[in-house]
Full PDB file with SEQRES, HELIX, SHEET, SSBOND, CRYST1, ORIGX, SCALE, CONECT and MASTER records, all heavy atoms in Angstrom:
SEQRES   1 A   31  ALA GLY MET THR ASP ARG ILE LEU VAL MET TYR ALA GLY          
SEQRES   2 A   31  ARG ILE VAL GLU SER ALA PRO THR SER GLU LEU PHE GLU          
SEQRES   3 A   31  ARG PRO SER ASN PRO                                          
HELIX    1 AA1 THR A   21  GLU A   26  1                                   6    
SHEET    1 AA1 2 ARG A   6  TYR A  11  0                                        
SHEET    2 AA1 2 ARG A  14  PRO A  20 -1                                        
CRYST1    1.000    1.000    1.000  90.00  90.00  90.00 P 1           1          
ORIGX1      1.000000  0.000000  0.000000        0.00000                         
ORIGX2      0.000000  1.000000  0.000000        0.00000                         
ORIGX3      0.000000  0.000000  1.000000        0.00000                         
SCALE1      1.000000  0.000000  0.000000        0.00000                         
SCALE2      0.000000  1.000000  0.000000        0.00000                         
SCALE3      0.000000  0.000000  1.000000        0.00000                         
ATOM      1  N   ALA A   1     114.623 116.081 113.176  1.00  0.00           N  
ATOM      2  CA  ALA A   1     115.433 115.392 112.166  1.00  0.00           C  
ATOM      3  C   ALA A   1     115.114 113.900 112.085  1.00  0.00           C  
ATOM      4  O   ALA A   1     114.948 113.356 110.995  1.00  0.00           O  
ATOM      5  CB  ALA A   1     116.914 115.602 112.458  1.00  0.00           C  
ATOM      6  N   GLY A   2     115.030 113.223 113.215  1.00  0.00           N  
ATOM      7  CA  GLY A   2     114.829 111.784 113.203  1.00  0.00           C  
ATOM      8  C   GLY A   2     113.411 111.344 113.512  1.00  0.00           C  
ATOM      9  O   GLY A   2     113.166 110.154 113.709  1.00  0.00           O  
ATOM     10  N   MET A   3     112.480 112.298 113.546  1.00  0.00           N  
ATOM     11  CA  MET A   3     111.118 111.962 113.970  1.00  0.00           C  
ATOM     12  C   MET A   3     110.061 112.124 112.895  1.00  0.00           C  
ATOM     13  O   MET A   3     109.009 111.505 112.968  1.00  0.00           O  
ATOM     14  CB  MET A   3     110.714 112.859 115.152  1.00  0.00           C  
ATOM     15  CG  MET A   3     111.363 112.495 116.458  1.00  0.00           C  
ATOM     16  SD  MET A   3     110.470 113.238 117.820  1.00  0.00           S  
ATOM     17  CE  MET A   3     108.863 112.458 117.684  1.00  0.00           C  
ATOM     18  N   THR A   4     110.308 112.977 111.917  1.00  0.00           N  
ATOM     19  CA  THR A   4     109.237 113.383 111.014  1.00  0.00           C  
ATOM     20  C   THR A   4     109.386 112.791 109.622  1.00  0.00           C  
ATOM     21  O   THR A   4     110.481 112.445 109.173  1.00  0.00           O  
ATOM     22  CB  THR A   4     109.196 114.915 110.890  1.00  0.00           C  
ATOM     23  OG1 THR A   4     110.476 115.380 110.444  1.00  0.00           O  
ATOM     24  CG2 THR A   4     108.878 115.564 112.230  1.00  0.00           C  
ATOM     25  N   ASP A   5     108.250 112.697 108.921  1.00  0.00           N  
ATOM     26  CA  ASP A   5     108.247 112.276 107.520  1.00  0.00           C  
ATOM     27  C   ASP A   5     108.427 113.477 106.598  1.00  0.00           C  
ATOM     28  O   ASP A   5     109.096 113.391 105.579  1.00  0.00           O  
ATOM     29  CB  ASP A   5     106.919 111.574 107.195  1.00  0.00           C  
ATOM     30  CG  ASP A   5     106.684 110.357 108.081  1.00  0.00           C  
ATOM     31  OD1 ASP A   5     107.524 109.445 108.042  1.00  0.00           O  
ATOM     32  OD2 ASP A   5     105.674 110.331 108.822  1.00  0.00           O  
ATOM     33  N   ARG A   6     107.794 114.593 106.964  1.00  0.00           N  
ATOM     34  CA  ARG A   6     107.887 115.826 106.182  1.00  0.00           C  
ATOM     35  C   ARG A   6     108.047 117.005 107.132  1.00  0.00           C  
ATOM     36  O   ARG A   6     107.691 116.921 108.309  1.00  0.00           O  
ATOM     37  CB  ARG A   6     106.621 116.053 105.338  1.00  0.00           C  
ATOM     38  CG  ARG A   6     106.486 115.151 104.131  1.00  0.00           C  
ATOM     39  CD  ARG A   6     105.303 115.560 103.272  1.00  0.00           C  
ATOM     40  NE  ARG A   6     104.047 115.535 104.004  1.00  0.00           N  
ATOM     41  CZ  ARG A   6     103.226 116.574 104.133  1.00  0.00           C  
ATOM     42  NH1 ARG A   6     103.523 117.749 103.590  1.00  0.00           N  
ATOM     43  NH2 ARG A   6     102.099 116.458 104.810  1.00  0.00           N  
ATOM     44  N   ILE A   7     108.553 118.118 106.586  1.00  0.00           N  
ATOM     45  CA  ILE A   7     108.750 119.330 107.385  1.00  0.00           C  
ATOM     46  C   ILE A   7     108.189 120.534 106.625  1.00  0.00           C  
ATOM     47  O   ILE A   7     108.402 120.674 105.418  1.00  0.00           O  
ATOM     48  CB  ILE A   7     110.247 119.561 107.702  1.00  0.00           C  
ATOM     49  CG1 ILE A   7     110.781 118.453 108.619  1.00  0.00           C  
ATOM     50  CG2 ILE A   7     110.458 120.919 108.363  1.00  0.00           C  
ATOM     51  CD1 ILE A   7     112.274 118.558 108.896  1.00  0.00           C  
ATOM     52  N   LEU A   8     107.465 121.388 107.346  1.00  0.00           N  
ATOM     53  CA  LEU A   8     107.054 122.695 106.848  1.00  0.00           C  
ATOM     54  C   LEU A   8     107.888 123.738 107.581  1.00  0.00           C  
ATOM     55  O   LEU A   8     107.980 123.704 108.807  1.00  0.00           O  
ATOM     56  CB  LEU A   8     105.570 122.963 107.128  1.00  0.00           C  
ATOM     57  CG  LEU A   8     104.535 121.920 106.693  1.00  0.00           C  
ATOM     58  CD1 LEU A   8     103.139 122.388 107.080  1.00  0.00           C  
ATOM     59  CD2 LEU A   8     104.613 121.667 105.201  1.00  0.00           C  
ATOM     60  N   VAL A   9     108.489 124.652 106.851  1.00  0.00           N  
ATOM     61  CA  VAL A   9     109.241 125.749 107.455  1.00  0.00           C  
ATOM     62  C   VAL A   9     108.387 127.001 107.337  1.00  0.00           C  
ATOM     63  O   VAL A   9     107.967 127.368 106.232  1.00  0.00           O  
ATOM     64  CB  VAL A   9     110.598 125.956 106.754  1.00  0.00           C  
ATOM     65  CG1 VAL A   9     111.366 127.098 107.415  1.00  0.00           C  
ATOM     66  CG2 VAL A   9     111.424 124.667 106.789  1.00  0.00           C  
ATOM     67  N   MET A  10     108.112 127.669 108.473  1.00  0.00           N  
ATOM     68  CA  MET A  10     107.267 128.861 108.466  1.00  0.00           C  
ATOM     69  C   MET A  10     108.064 130.108 108.803  1.00  0.00           C  
ATOM     70  O   MET A  10     109.004 130.074 109.616  1.00  0.00           O  
ATOM     71  CB  MET A  10     106.106 128.707 109.458  1.00  0.00           C  
ATOM     72  CG  MET A  10     105.070 127.689 109.030  1.00  0.00           C  
ATOM     73  SD  MET A  10     103.541 127.756 110.025  1.00  0.00           S  
ATOM     74  CE  MET A  10     102.859 129.354 109.505  1.00  0.00           C  
ATOM     75  N   TYR A  11     107.665 131.203 108.163  1.00  0.00           N  
ATOM     76  CA  TYR A  11     108.277 132.506 108.434  1.00  0.00           C  
ATOM     77  C   TYR A  11     107.224 133.576 108.177  1.00  0.00           C  
ATOM     78  O   TYR A  11     106.573 133.582 107.122  1.00  0.00           O  
ATOM     79  CB  TYR A  11     109.495 132.738 107.526  1.00  0.00           C  
ATOM     80  CG  TYR A  11     110.275 133.985 107.862  1.00  0.00           C  
ATOM     81  CD1 TYR A  11     111.180 133.998 108.918  1.00  0.00           C  
ATOM     82  CD2 TYR A  11     110.111 135.164 107.132  1.00  0.00           C  
ATOM     83  CE1 TYR A  11     111.900 135.134 109.242  1.00  0.00           C  
ATOM     84  CE2 TYR A  11     110.823 136.309 107.446  1.00  0.00           C  
ATOM     85  CZ  TYR A  11     111.723 136.291 108.510  1.00  0.00           C  
ATOM     86  OH  TYR A  11     112.431 137.416 108.827  1.00  0.00           O  
ATOM     87  N   ALA A  12     107.035 134.474 109.128  1.00  0.00           N  
ATOM     88  CA  ALA A  12     106.110 135.600 108.984  1.00  0.00           C  
ATOM     89  C   ALA A  12     104.712 135.152 108.579  1.00  0.00           C  
ATOM     90  O   ALA A  12     104.066 135.771 107.733  1.00  0.00           O  
ATOM     91  CB  ALA A  12     106.659 136.611 107.981  1.00  0.00           C  
ATOM     92  N   GLY A  13     104.253 134.053 109.170  1.00  0.00           N  
ATOM     93  CA  GLY A  13     102.872 133.611 108.946  1.00  0.00           C  
ATOM     94  C   GLY A  13     102.648 132.793 107.698  1.00  0.00           C  
ATOM     95  O   GLY A  13     101.502 132.440 107.389  1.00  0.00           O  
ATOM     96  N   ARG A  14     103.721 132.459 106.970  1.00  0.00           N  
ATOM     97  CA  ARG A  14     103.583 131.696 105.734  1.00  0.00           C  
ATOM     98  C   ARG A  14     104.521 130.490 105.724  1.00  0.00           C  
ATOM     99  O   ARG A  14     105.544 130.487 106.413  1.00  0.00           O  
ATOM    100  CB  ARG A  14     103.899 132.566 104.516  1.00  0.00           C  
ATOM    101  CG  ARG A  14     102.869 133.667 104.255  1.00  0.00           C  
ATOM    102  CD  ARG A  14     103.288 134.497 103.065  1.00  0.00           C  
ATOM    103  NE  ARG A  14     102.306 135.522 102.749  1.00  0.00           N  
ATOM    104  CZ  ARG A  14     101.309 135.370 101.882  1.00  0.00           C  
ATOM    105  NH1 ARG A  14     101.160 134.216 101.252  1.00  0.00           N  
ATOM    106  NH2 ARG A  14     100.459 136.358 101.639  1.00  0.00           N  
ATOM    107  N   ILE A  15     104.173 129.493 104.926  1.00  0.00           N  
ATOM    108  CA  ILE A  15     105.080 128.372 104.692  1.00  0.00           C  
ATOM    109  C   ILE A  15     106.071 128.817 103.619  1.00  0.00           C  
ATOM    110  O   ILE A  15     105.676 129.190 102.508  1.00  0.00           O  
ATOM    111  CB  ILE A  15     104.314 127.118 104.227  1.00  0.00           C  
ATOM    112  CG1 ILE A  15     103.394 126.622 105.345  1.00  0.00           C  
ATOM    113  CG2 ILE A  15     105.292 126.016 103.821  1.00  0.00           C  
ATOM    114  CD1 ILE A  15     102.435 125.526 104.924  1.00  0.00           C  
ATOM    115  N   VAL A  16     107.377 128.792 103.951  1.00  0.00           N  
ATOM    116  CA  VAL A  16     108.390 129.220 102.984  1.00  0.00           C  
ATOM    117  C   VAL A  16     109.090 128.030 102.329  1.00  0.00           C  
ATOM    118  O   VAL A  16     109.719 128.188 101.277  1.00  0.00           O  
ATOM    119  CB  VAL A  16     109.432 130.163 103.625  1.00  0.00           C  
ATOM    120  CG1 VAL A  16     108.761 131.446 104.094  1.00  0.00           C  
ATOM    121  CG2 VAL A  16     110.180 129.496 104.771  1.00  0.00           C  
ATOM    122  N   GLU A  17     108.995 126.860 102.956  1.00  0.00           N  
ATOM    123  CA  GLU A  17     109.513 125.646 102.314  1.00  0.00           C  
ATOM    124  C   GLU A  17     108.798 124.436 102.889  1.00  0.00           C  
ATOM    125  O   GLU A  17     108.489 124.377 104.080  1.00  0.00           O  
ATOM    126  CB  GLU A  17     111.034 125.507 102.483  1.00  0.00           C  
ATOM    127  CG  GLU A  17     111.601 124.369 101.652  1.00  0.00           C  
ATOM    128  CD  GLU A  17     113.110 124.459 101.406  1.00  0.00           C  
ATOM    129  OE1 GLU A  17     113.771 125.328 102.024  1.00  0.00           O  
ATOM    130  OE2 GLU A  17     113.618 123.664 100.597  1.00  0.00           O  
ATOM    131  N   SER A  18     108.550 123.471 102.017  1.00  0.00           N  
ATOM    132  CA  SER A  18     107.877 122.233 102.399  1.00  0.00           C  
ATOM    133  C   SER A  18     108.539 121.096 101.650  1.00  0.00           C  
ATOM    134  O   SER A  18     108.672 121.163 100.418  1.00  0.00           O  
ATOM    135  CB  SER A  18     106.388 122.306 102.048  1.00  0.00           C  
ATOM    136  OG  SER A  18     105.769 121.038 102.177  1.00  0.00           O  
ATOM    137  N   ALA A  19     108.970 120.045 102.380  1.00  0.00           N  
ATOM    138  CA  ALA A  19     109.676 118.946 101.719  1.00  0.00           C  
ATOM    139  C   ALA A  19     109.727 117.728 102.636  1.00  0.00           C  
ATOM    140  O   ALA A  19     109.593 117.857 103.858  1.00  0.00           O  
ATOM    141  CB  ALA A  19     111.093 119.370 101.341  1.00  0.00           C  
ATOM    142  N   PRO A  20     109.930 116.527 102.061  1.00  0.00           N  
ATOM    143  CA  PRO A  20     110.235 115.362 102.906  1.00  0.00           C  
ATOM    144  C   PRO A  20     111.472 115.665 103.745  1.00  0.00           C  
ATOM    145  O   PRO A  20     112.383 116.377 103.295  1.00  0.00           O  
ATOM    146  CB  PRO A  20     110.504 114.252 101.883  1.00  0.00           C  
ATOM    147  CG  PRO A  20     109.759 114.671 100.653  1.00  0.00           C  
ATOM    148  CD  PRO A  20     109.862 116.173 100.632  1.00  0.00           C  
ATOM    149  N   THR A  21     111.520 115.130 104.944  1.00  0.00           N  
ATOM    150  CA  THR A  21     112.579 115.488 105.898  1.00  0.00           C  
ATOM    151  C   THR A  21     113.982 115.285 105.320  1.00  0.00           C  
ATOM    152  O   THR A  21     114.836 116.179 105.394  1.00  0.00           O  
ATOM    153  CB  THR A  21     112.420 114.681 107.193  1.00  0.00           C  
ATOM    154  OG1 THR A  21     111.136 114.974 107.757  1.00  0.00           O  
ATOM    155  CG2 THR A  21     113.495 115.029 108.204  1.00  0.00           C  
ATOM    156  N   SER A  22     114.236 114.117 104.754  1.00  0.00           N  
ATOM    157  CA  SER A  22     115.585 113.836 104.250  1.00  0.00           C  
ATOM    158  C   SER A  22     115.972 114.806 103.135  1.00  0.00           C  
ATOM    159  O   SER A  22     117.109 115.287 103.080  1.00  0.00           O  
ATOM    160  CB  SER A  22     115.671 112.391 103.737  1.00  0.00           C  
ATOM    161  OG  SER A  22     114.704 112.167 102.717  1.00  0.00           O  
ATOM    162  N   GLU A  23     115.007 115.138 102.259  1.00  0.00           N  
ATOM    163  CA  GLU A  23     115.308 116.047 101.155  1.00  0.00           C  
ATOM    164  C   GLU A  23     115.546 117.468 101.644  1.00  0.00           C  
ATOM    165  O   GLU A  23     116.390 118.190 101.114  1.00  0.00           O  
ATOM    166  CB  GLU A  23     114.165 116.025 100.135  1.00  0.00           C  
ATOM    167  CG  GLU A  23     114.474 116.801  98.873  1.00  0.00           C  
ATOM    168  CD  GLU A  23     113.470 116.545  97.759  1.00  0.00           C  
ATOM    169  OE1 GLU A  23     112.844 115.473  97.764  1.00  0.00           O  
ATOM    170  OE2 GLU A  23     113.336 117.425  96.892  1.00  0.00           O  
ATOM    171  N   LEU A  24     114.795 117.880 102.667  1.00  0.00           N  
ATOM    172  CA  LEU A  24     114.982 119.226 103.207  1.00  0.00           C  
ATOM    173  C   LEU A  24     116.381 119.386 103.780  1.00  0.00           C  
ATOM    174  O   LEU A  24     117.025 120.431 103.608  1.00  0.00           O  
ATOM    175  CB  LEU A  24     113.940 119.521 104.287  1.00  0.00           C  
ATOM    176  CG  LEU A  24     113.918 120.974 104.765  1.00  0.00           C  
ATOM    177  CD1 LEU A  24     112.914 121.765 103.922  1.00  0.00           C  
ATOM    178  CD2 LEU A  24     113.548 121.088 106.230  1.00  0.00           C  
ATOM    179  N   PHE A  25     116.878 118.358 104.463  1.00  0.00           N  
ATOM    180  CA  PHE A  25     118.213 118.439 105.044  1.00  0.00           C  
ATOM    181  C   PHE A  25     119.300 118.352 103.972  1.00  0.00           C  
ATOM    182  O   PHE A  25     120.357 118.967 104.113  1.00  0.00           O  
ATOM    183  CB  PHE A  25     118.405 117.324 106.084  1.00  0.00           C  
ATOM    184  CG  PHE A  25     117.865 117.669 107.443  1.00  0.00           C  
ATOM    185  CD1 PHE A  25     116.511 117.573 107.714  1.00  0.00           C  
ATOM    186  CD2 PHE A  25     118.696 118.106 108.458  1.00  0.00           C  
ATOM    187  CE1 PHE A  25     115.992 117.905 108.961  1.00  0.00           C  
ATOM    188  CE2 PHE A  25     118.212 118.441 109.707  1.00  0.00           C  
ATOM    189  CZ  PHE A  25     116.850 118.342 109.954  1.00  0.00           C  
ATOM    190  N   GLU A  26     119.040 117.601 102.905  1.00  0.00           N  
ATOM    191  CA  GLU A  26     120.043 117.429 101.856  1.00  0.00           C  
ATOM    192  C   GLU A  26     120.059 118.594 100.867  1.00  0.00           C  
ATOM    193  O   GLU A  26     121.116 118.994 100.399  1.00  0.00           O  
ATOM    194  CB  GLU A  26     119.769 116.122 101.093  1.00  0.00           C  
ATOM    195  CG  GLU A  26     120.052 114.867 101.905  1.00  0.00           C  
ATOM    196  CD  GLU A  26     119.514 113.619 101.218  1.00  0.00           C  
ATOM    197  OE1 GLU A  26     119.057 113.732 100.060  1.00  0.00           O  
ATOM    198  OE2 GLU A  26     119.545 112.545 101.843  1.00  0.00           O  
ATOM    199  N   ARG A  27     118.853 119.135 100.545  1.00  0.00           N  
ATOM    200  CA  ARG A  27     118.778 120.184  99.518  1.00  0.00           C  
ATOM    201  C   ARG A  27     117.854 121.309  99.957  1.00  0.00           C  
ATOM    202  O   ARG A  27     116.799 121.529  99.359  1.00  0.00           O  
ATOM    203  CB  ARG A  27     118.279 119.596  98.195  1.00  0.00           C  
ATOM    204  CG  ARG A  27     119.119 118.469  97.671  1.00  0.00           C  
ATOM    205  CD  ARG A  27     118.655 118.037  96.295  1.00  0.00           C  
ATOM    206  NE  ARG A  27     119.090 118.966  95.261  1.00  0.00           N  
ATOM    207  CZ  ARG A  27     118.994 118.713  93.955  1.00  0.00           C  
ATOM    208  NH1 ARG A  27     118.484 117.582  93.541  1.00  0.00           N  
ATOM    209  NH2 ARG A  27     119.400 119.595  93.074  1.00  0.00           N  
ATOM    210  N   PRO A  28     118.208 122.036 101.010  1.00  0.00           N  
ATOM    211  CA  PRO A  28     117.371 123.188 101.390  1.00  0.00           C  
ATOM    212  C   PRO A  28     117.348 124.189 100.246  1.00  0.00           C  
ATOM    213  O   PRO A  28     118.397 124.521  99.688  1.00  0.00           O  
ATOM    214  CB  PRO A  28     118.088 123.741 102.622  1.00  0.00           C  
ATOM    215  CG  PRO A  28     119.513 123.286 102.481  1.00  0.00           C  
ATOM    216  CD  PRO A  28     119.441 121.953 101.809  1.00  0.00           C  
ATOM    217  N   SER A  29     116.150 124.658  99.889  1.00  0.00           N  
ATOM    218  CA  SER A  29     116.021 125.507  98.707  1.00  0.00           C  
ATOM    219  C   SER A  29     115.403 126.856  99.034  1.00  0.00           C  
ATOM    220  O   SER A  29     114.775 127.491  98.190  1.00  0.00           O  
ATOM    221  CB  SER A  29     115.204 124.780  97.631  1.00  0.00           C  
ATOM    222  OG  SER A  29     115.836 123.571  97.294  1.00  0.00           O  
ATOM    223  N   ASN A  30     115.570 127.260 100.280  1.00  0.00           N  
ATOM    224  CA  ASN A  30     115.144 128.579 100.712  1.00  0.00           C  
ATOM    225  C   ASN A  30     116.211 129.117 101.654  1.00  0.00           C  
ATOM    226  O   ASN A  30     116.669 128.390 102.548  1.00  0.00           O  
ATOM    227  CB  ASN A  30     113.789 128.501 101.418  1.00  0.00           C  
ATOM    228  CG  ASN A  30     113.218 129.873 101.710  1.00  0.00           C  
ATOM    229  OD1 ASN A  30     113.664 130.570 102.620  1.00  0.00           O  
ATOM    230  ND2 ASN A  30     112.217 130.275 100.929  1.00  0.00           N  
ATOM    231  N   PRO A  31     116.655 130.356 101.494  1.00  0.00           N  
ATOM    232  CA  PRO A  31     117.718 130.883 102.360  1.00  0.00           C  
ATOM    233  C   PRO A  31     117.378 130.829 103.848  1.00  0.00           C  
ATOM    234  O   PRO A  31     118.276 130.654 104.679  1.00  0.00           O  
ATOM    235  CB  PRO A  31     117.878 132.330 101.869  1.00  0.00           C  
ATOM    236  CG  PRO A  31     117.424 132.293 100.450  1.00  0.00           C  
ATOM    237  CD  PRO A  31     116.293 131.305 100.414  1.00  0.00           C  
TER     238      PRO A  31                                                      
MASTER        0    0    0    1    2    0    0    6  237    1    0    3          
END                                                                             
């Protein structure tokens, strides 16, 4: 949360969401 500029979320070998850290925490757009 306090270390990264961007985050990739992976599931089953694929990236399911990619966003700047602050935006990912504010508006997650993948269940």
